[in-house]
């Protein structure tokens, strides 16, 4: 998962992009970069490893001149966590300098890359995003618009893109619309961001969220709606609403905060905990879920865990050892709330089980009499191939363990997952528009390293377990 931000037609575009990245920091903590473009079409770039405020100094931002910019904050789902994979990707394209920022995963990147290498392409990174740059550069089409379209017709998977060629900024969402991208107005220019919270921080007014297959061309204050990409069934990522997006954002036309409260309400209806003394969240993504659970169940809402906000998000840390270490310093139990009590702990999801197991141990040590764990989403049984860091089935505890086995592993008195129908009801709108492959194994594309027989077996196993 990554965050992207674009600016067109605004003075000091790089400084606006910096603020936008700050608001999107929750979407990636490994690296960040900004490429600005001046009035002559010349690019100015800076990328680095780490957090946004560690990478960009005031002096650096002042050197990134121009009124057009694209920016990116990254955590890796394909490619290693190294500076070569930091984005935006840049190239000396024959139509002018090109910079590309990508949120998502290309599911056929490996075969495309192998073909490009055989034909003489030289790659500077291991990121799937660079494949797009080579496809654009090698296209035989005449105009940049057609060359980009030519490249997009060859890729499969998830991509929300911001791309500059000289002073022209393109914004593109794949035909299934896996990842969000929103257009906003600011003064006489425009900004684009993965989430509306990044528009808020720069004072932009949201215009609309780009729909699946939509792409725009922006230059000199003018927006051109290019012909949409060939239509496919909408598959918005429901995990954006469950975990990744900030609660103050509107994503896929839904208030993230509203969805999370409804997830908690559905969870309380499906898995109440009669007799519990209090309920509290695993902060921060589950805060609204705990509110919804308390509202429906009538259980007293408490602050049972305090989060250290100087520690980043454990799920989007690139290594298991880093995730484990951060859990130990990220949360601390409030003993006065927990000691002697029967508590309900609400979290957004269970991926590997590392964080939850350690949290239960903390809560037990704080004196809890009973611990009842509730997850506001279904068991994650399949890897995501569209931009979430669950690359191997073996990493997913629910792919190989029953709910009872997981309950014993976590050391809790009871365990409850929200059902998939309950999740989709809370997400709002048409439930058929969402991708929920990580829960249902119903992948909307052909996925790498799985044969049709393997996918069918996984789907059948999941159906039986439900």
Foldseek 3Di string as FASTA:
>chain_A
DKKKKKWADAFLRLVLRLLLLVLQQQQAFFKKKKWAFAPVLDIDIFIDTGGSVVGDDPVSSVRGGHRIMMMMHDFDQWFDSDRLPYAQDWDQAPLAIKTKYKFKFWQCLVVLVVVVVVVPDDDSTRGSVVSLVSQLRPDPDDDSVVSSLRSLVPTDFWIFMWMDGRNKIKTFGAQQRAFKKWWWDDDLIIMMISWCSSCVSSPTHTDGIDDRQWMWIDHPSDIDTDDGDPHDFHAYALVCLLARPDQPTQTPNHRSLQLLLLLLLLQLVVDNDPPFQEEEEPDDSNHSSRVSVCVNNVHHYDHFKDFDVVQHDLQSDRDPVSSLVSLVVGIATDLVVAAPGAYEYEYAAAFQLRNLLVVLVRSVVSHHPFYEYEHSAAQQQDADNIRGNPPDNVRGPVVPDALVRSCVSSVGPYYYYRDPVSSLVSSDDDSSNHHPCRQQLPDPDDGPPADPVRSVVSNVVSVVSD
